Amino acid sequence: MLKKRIIPKFLIRDRRLVKMVRFDENQREAGNPVSTAKVYDSYGIDELIFVDVDASTRGTVVDGGIIERVSEEVFIPFTVGGGITTLEQIEALLKAGADKVSINSAAVADPGFITRAASRFGDQCIVASIDYREENGRKRVYAEGGHKAAGADAAEWALRMQDAHAGEILLTSIDRDGTMSGYDLDLIAELSDKLNVPLIASSGAGSLADCKAALDAGASAITISSMFIFTDHSPIKVRTYLATNGVAVRNQKGSRS
């Protein structure tokens, strides 16, 4: 059985970590990305995800300089996303130290971009990021940092991204982002029954029980942001709780241990 992963998710704006609610509301500073990555690494987390929250709307790409500094300080896998639109940008980010790239808006504009990226760099390097909102009882995909409605159904889009050779699906509920109100268990369960690639559940972690519920629903991994920043729950607490309650998780040490 593959063990479940615990992944802190970092949102970057102007080279600083930030945290918002539902992508735009109530922005708060959350520290320096490099030093915070070192702290999480010392806890023995499985991976990290970095997302530049403004890159798509600015027409820029996530800062490779930050990626280089993080890769010099921690030796765990990490994924980067934000504004990626070309194969050359992916190549540069991988050379800077990233292990995977997360792609959302470019895939919405051209689903074939996922296929071309996977063909060149390998499926395992390409994460299809799916941001969605619930509208009139349906879950609709959004691009450009949650500002542009794409119209596609989130579950159908996840399957299409799998068919395009994405190696993982990162599923993010805009409605639950930063609310610490629990993950979207219904969609996680629906997709875990249909997908053959790992499903990373993002948005909603507010308690240890929320983490277990998302993994029990079928997620291969969970991202956690606000719960780590604004409560006393640490990766060690999450891992201990999950293991004690029958969830198979990795027993990690920091990469410098």
Protein backbone atom coordinates (compact mmCIF):
# COMPACT_ATOMS: atom_id res chain seq x y z
CA MET A 1 0.00 0.00 0.00
CA LEU A 2 1.31 3.44 -0.91
CA LYS A 3 1.70 5.61 2.15
CA LYS A 4 -0.21 8.89 2.37
CA ARG A 5 1.64 12.18 2.07
CA ILE A 6 1.44 15.40 4.11
CA ILE A 7 2.35 18.47 2.03
CA PRO A 8 2.58 22.06 3.31
CA LYS A 9 1.40 24.47 0.62
CA PHE A 10 3.12 27.85 0.35
CA LEU A 11 1.48 30.79 -1.40
CA ILE A 12 3.97 33.42 -2.60
CA ARG A 13 3.32 37.07 -3.36
CA ASP A 14 6.18 39.54 -3.89
CA ARG A 15 8.70 36.96 -2.60
CA ARG A 16 6.83 36.60 0.71
CA LEU A 17 4.54 33.89 2.02
CA VAL A 18 0.93 35.00 2.30
CA LYS A 19 -2.37 33.41 3.26
CA MET A 20 -5.78 34.43 2.06
CA VAL A 21 -9.35 33.19 2.32
CA ARG A 22 -11.03 32.01 -0.89
CA PHE A 23 -7.96 33.18 -2.86
CA ASP A 24 -8.57 36.94 -2.44
CA GLU A 25 -9.96 37.82 0.99
CA ASN A 26 -8.17 38.76 4.22
CA GLN A 27 -4.53 38.54 3.12
CA ARG A 28 -2.04 37.96 5.93
CA GLU A 29 1.75 37.78 5.87
CA ALA A 30 3.10 34.34 6.71
CA GLY A 31 6.87 34.73 6.60
CA ASN A 32 9.90 34.07 4.41
CA PRO A 33 9.53 31.10 2.05
CA VAL A 34 13.10 29.85 2.39
CA SER A 35 13.34 29.96 6.19
CA THR A 36 9.84 28.53 6.55
CA ALA A 37 10.72 25.68 4.20
CA LYS A 38 13.71 24.87 6.42
CA VAL A 39 11.45 24.74 9.49
CA TYR A 40 9.01 22.38 7.82
CA ASP A 41 11.85 20.23 6.56
CA SER A 42 13.06 19.83 10.15
CA TYR A 43 9.63 18.38 10.99
CA GLY A 44 10.16 15.67 8.36
CA ILE A 45 7.37 16.59 5.95
CA ASP A 46 7.04 14.57 2.74
CA GLU A 47 6.98 17.32 0.13
CA LEU A 48 6.35 21.04 -0.37
CA ILE A 49 4.23 22.96 -2.87
CA PHE A 50 5.00 26.58 -3.82
CA VAL A 51 2.49 28.63 -5.82
CA ASP A 52 2.97 32.24 -6.97
CA VAL A 53 -0.57 33.56 -6.56
CA ASP A 54 -0.17 36.53 -8.95
CA ALA A 55 1.92 35.06 -11.77
CA SER A 56 -0.94 34.06 -14.08
CA THR A 57 -2.73 37.40 -13.85
CA ARG A 58 0.55 39.34 -14.25
CA GLY A 59 1.65 37.28 -17.20
CA THR A 60 4.85 36.25 -15.39
CA VAL A 61 6.16 32.96 -14.03
CA VAL A 62 7.00 31.83 -10.48
CA ASP A 63 10.38 33.24 -9.37
CA GLY A 64 13.14 30.74 -10.12
CA GLY A 65 15.46 32.54 -7.71
CA ILE A 66 13.34 31.51 -4.74
CA ILE A 67 13.29 27.95 -6.04
CA GLU A 68 17.08 27.89 -6.26
CA ARG A 69 17.44 29.13 -2.67
CA VAL A 70 14.96 26.59 -1.36
CA SER A 71 16.70 23.75 -3.21
CA GLU A 72 19.99 24.77 -1.59
CA GLU A 73 18.49 24.58 1.89
CA VAL A 74 16.16 21.56 1.84
CA PHE A 75 16.46 18.19 0.16
CA ILE A 76 12.88 17.02 -0.12
CA PRO A 77 10.70 16.92 -3.25
CA PHE A 78 8.85 20.11 -4.06
CA THR A 79 6.40 21.31 -6.66
CA VAL A 80 6.21 24.85 -8.02
CA GLY A 81 3.42 26.60 -9.88
CA GLY A 82 2.27 29.97 -11.08
CA GLY A 83 2.15 31.39 -14.59
CA ILE A 84 3.84 28.45 -16.35
CA THR A 85 2.99 28.59 -20.05
CA THR A 86 6.00 27.19 -21.96
CA LEU A 87 8.19 24.10 -21.99
CA GLU A 88 11.21 26.38 -21.61
CA GLN A 89 9.85 27.72 -18.32
CA ILE A 90 9.33 24.19 -17.04
CA GLU A 91 12.89 23.28 -18.00
CA ALA A 92 14.25 26.33 -16.18
CA LEU A 93 12.30 25.58 -13.00
CA LEU A 94 13.40 21.95 -12.97
CA LYS A 95 17.00 23.07 -13.44
CA ALA A 96 16.54 25.55 -10.58
CA GLY A 97 15.74 22.62 -8.28
CA ALA A 98 12.03 21.91 -8.54
CA ASP A 99 11.00 18.26 -8.82
CA LYS A 100 7.57 18.90 -10.35
CA VAL A 101 5.60 21.77 -11.83
CA SER A 102 1.95 22.58 -11.27
CA ILE A 103 -0.04 23.84 -14.26
CA ASN A 104 -3.54 25.31 -14.26
CA SER A 105 -4.28 28.27 -16.56
CA ALA A 106 -2.10 27.06 -19.44
CA ALA A 107 -3.88 23.71 -19.36
CA VAL A 108 -7.27 25.42 -19.46
CA ALA A 109 -6.17 27.46 -22.47
CA ASP A 110 -4.58 24.46 -24.20
CA PRO A 111 -5.03 20.96 -22.71
CA GLY A 112 -2.43 19.69 -25.15
CA PHE A 113 0.20 21.63 -23.22
CA ILE A 114 -0.02 19.01 -20.45
CA THR A 115 0.58 16.24 -22.96
CA ARG A 116 3.56 18.01 -24.52
CA ALA A 117 5.06 18.75 -21.11
CA ALA A 118 4.61 15.16 -19.94
CA SER A 119 6.13 13.85 -23.15
CA ARG A 120 9.22 16.00 -22.75
CA PHE A 121 9.80 15.85 -18.98
CA GLY A 122 7.90 12.73 -17.90
CA ASP A 123 4.42 12.33 -16.42
CA GLN A 124 5.90 12.27 -12.92
CA CYS A 125 7.01 15.91 -13.28
CA ILE A 126 3.64 17.31 -14.35
CA VAL A 127 0.89 18.14 -11.84
CA ALA A 128 -2.46 19.32 -13.20
CA SER A 129 -3.78 21.92 -10.77
CA ILE A 130 -7.57 22.27 -10.71
CA ASP A 131 -9.13 25.24 -8.91
CA TYR A 132 -12.91 25.16 -8.74
CA ARG A 133 -15.96 26.85 -7.24
CA GLU A 134 -19.43 25.47 -6.60
CA GLU A 135 -22.05 27.27 -8.69
CA ASN A 136 -25.72 26.30 -8.77
CA GLY A 137 -24.88 22.86 -7.42
CA ARG A 138 -22.08 22.20 -9.93
CA LYS A 139 -18.34 22.43 -9.41
CA ARG A 140 -16.77 24.57 -12.10
CA VAL A 141 -13.10 24.99 -13.00
CA TYR A 142 -11.47 28.42 -12.70
CA ALA A 143 -8.19 29.72 -14.09
CA GLU A 144 -5.96 32.77 -13.52
CA GLY A 145 -5.90 32.56 -9.75
CA GLY A 146 -9.62 31.95 -9.47
CA HIS A 147 -10.57 35.01 -11.51
CA LYS A 148 -11.54 33.41 -14.82
CA ALA A 149 -14.35 30.89 -15.17
CA ALA A 150 -13.39 28.05 -17.49
CA GLY A 151 -16.81 26.41 -17.56
CA ALA A 152 -15.59 22.82 -17.30
CA ASP A 153 -16.88 20.45 -14.66
CA ALA A 154 -14.14 19.80 -12.08
CA ALA A 155 -14.53 16.01 -12.02
CA GLU A 156 -14.65 15.73 -15.80
CA TRP A 157 -11.65 18.03 -16.11
CA ALA A 158 -9.62 15.91 -13.69
CA LEU A 159 -10.23 12.86 -15.86
CA ARG A 160 -9.31 14.81 -18.97
CA MET A 161 -6.05 15.92 -17.34
CA GLN A 162 -5.29 12.31 -16.46
CA ASP A 163 -5.89 11.34 -20.10
CA ALA A 164 -3.52 14.16 -21.10
CA HIS A 165 -0.82 12.40 -19.05
CA ALA A 166 -0.68 14.54 -15.93
CA GLY A 167 1.15 12.51 -13.30
CA GLU A 168 -0.88 13.92 -10.39
CA ILE A 169 -4.02 15.97 -9.85
CA LEU A 170 -3.99 18.85 -7.34
CA LEU A 171 -7.62 19.56 -6.44
CA THR A 172 -8.26 22.95 -4.80
CA SER A 173 -11.66 24.19 -3.61
CA ILE A 174 -11.74 27.98 -3.85
CA ASP A 175 -14.82 28.07 -1.61
CA ARG A 176 -12.96 26.26 1.19
CA ASP A 177 -9.57 27.91 0.75
CA GLY A 178 -8.36 29.39 4.04
CA THR A 179 -11.63 28.65 5.83
CA MET A 180 -10.35 25.61 7.79
CA SER A 181 -13.87 24.15 7.36
CA GLY A 182 -12.87 20.70 6.07
CA TYR A 183 -12.04 19.28 2.66
CA ASP A 184 -14.55 18.61 -0.11
CA LEU A 185 -14.97 14.95 0.78
CA ASP A 186 -17.67 14.23 -1.81
CA LEU A 187 -15.52 15.25 -4.77
CA ILE A 188 -12.43 13.58 -3.30
CA ALA A 189 -14.33 10.31 -2.96
CA GLU A 190 -15.83 10.59 -6.45
CA LEU A 191 -12.47 11.21 -8.10
CA SER A 192 -10.50 8.69 -6.07
CA ASP A 193 -12.78 6.00 -7.49
CA LYS A 194 -12.15 7.15 -11.07
CA LEU A 195 -8.53 8.31 -11.19
CA ASN A 196 -5.52 6.09 -11.67
CA VAL A 197 -3.04 8.84 -10.77
CA PRO A 198 -2.48 10.30 -7.29
CA LEU A 199 -5.03 12.84 -6.08
CA ILE A 200 -3.77 15.67 -3.84
CA ALA A 201 -6.60 17.26 -1.84
CA SER A 202 -6.14 20.95 -1.09
CA SER A 203 -8.13 23.56 0.88
CA GLY A 204 -10.07 23.12 4.08
CA ALA A 205 -7.78 21.53 6.67
CA GLY A 206 -8.78 22.88 10.07
CA SER A 207 -8.36 19.91 12.39
CA LEU A 208 -6.60 16.60 12.66
CA ALA A 209 -9.91 14.89 11.96
CA ASP A 210 -10.25 16.85 8.71
CA CYS A 211 -6.89 15.48 7.55
CA LYS A 212 -7.89 11.91 8.27
CA ALA A 213 -11.28 12.35 6.60
CA ALA A 214 -9.71 13.53 3.33
CA LEU A 215 -7.27 10.61 3.26
CA ASP A 216 -10.00 8.14 4.19
CA ALA A 217 -12.09 9.55 1.32
CA GLY A 218 -9.36 8.47 -1.08
CA ALA A 219 -6.84 11.31 -1.38
CA SER A 220 -3.26 10.15 -1.89
CA ALA A 221 -1.98 13.30 -0.21
CA ILE A 222 -3.28 16.41 1.52
CA THR A 223 -1.96 19.95 1.46
CA ILE A 224 -2.10 22.00 4.63
CA SER A 225 -1.54 25.74 4.92
CA SER A 226 -3.69 27.77 7.33
CA MET A 227 -3.83 25.01 9.94
CA PHE A 228 -0.04 24.96 10.19
CA ILE A 229 0.27 28.75 10.18
CA PHE A 230 -2.56 29.75 12.50
CA THR A 231 -2.91 26.83 14.96
CA ASP A 232 -0.51 24.81 17.10
CA HIS A 233 -0.83 21.76 14.85
CA SER A 234 2.50 20.75 13.33
CA PRO A 235 3.41 18.12 10.74
CA ILE A 236 4.57 15.91 13.61
CA LYS A 237 1.16 16.17 15.28
CA VAL A 238 -0.64 15.40 12.03
CA ARG A 239 1.55 12.40 11.27
CA THR A 240 1.23 11.02 14.81
CA TYR A 241 -2.55 11.42 14.81
CA LEU A 242 -2.92 9.73 11.44
CA ALA A 243 -0.64 6.83 12.32
CA THR A 244 -2.38 6.33 15.67
CA ASN A 245 -5.73 6.22 13.87
CA GLY A 246 -4.76 3.64 11.29
CA VAL A 247 -3.63 5.77 8.34
CA ALA A 248 -0.42 4.59 6.68
CA VAL A 249 1.94 7.59 6.62
CA ARG A 250 5.65 7.90 6.16
CA ASN A 251 7.84 8.09 9.25
CA GLN A 252 10.02 10.94 8.08
CA LYS A 253 12.99 12.80 9.45
CA GLY A 254 14.29 16.12 8.20
CA SER A 255 16.43 15.94 5.09
CA ARG A 256 19.44 17.16 7.07
CA SER A 257 18.96 14.64 9.90
